[in-house]
């Protein structure tokens, strides 16, 4: 079965081209946050203000990759994993105020569900199908995070296909077009998983620290927490540049 190629295409990046991509999750009260994945709306505002003061602007992944292919700099990728419902009420107004966009990676197998894959909680609601359409209509990119938020590296071939191909088909049904990007749950992938994402027709994939798999279908990202303010963000930016330099990519005069 051939992959559906009707989604908007984005240019493939060279293997060693590594844009700076920030990873968010829930935007809500970070008081009860055992995994360190929640930021408040005020802290998100502070972080985006820090980026803009450095001459940087956050954009979604497809826009970032197209801009880099055209030689444009000064852009940072903004991604929000898991598709929390709080994106619409908390994150979106802050993004729009800063004239930023983002990619929201959602779980079409859990519409209106919760993050019950996190044993320590707290339980947070996920976007409904209507909410996913609301994200897209607000100018944000929607990508796939698989169907159910499972570790793809331990699944059978059929289960893996359902997470990659199946989630793309499900989002096509919700949005009217298939998503361009895929984000690996837990940030982990292996060669079999990456190949399944490729065969499903995704133009890019996002991981966390993909190691030797790094490339257009396993782009490394930087996790952002509520504790990240100017000094910590600057340290993470420098670490990104050093890793890019060690990979053999010329380091430009900005983070883009």
Foldseek 3Di string as FASTA:
>chain_A
DFADQPDDAADFDPLLDAFAEEEAEAAPDCPPPPPQRYAHLVLVLQVQVLLVVVQAAEEEDRVVRNCVVVVHDRYYAYEYEAAFLCCVVRVLVSCVVSVYEHEYAYALLAAQHWDVVPVSDDTTTHHHLVSVQVSVVSPYAYHHAFHRLDQLVPDDPVNLLCRQLVRQVSVCVSHVHGHQEYEYRVLDDDPVSLVSNVRNNHNAYEGACHPPVRTRNYHHYHYDGNPDHDVNVVVVLVVSQVVSVVSPHDRDPDSD
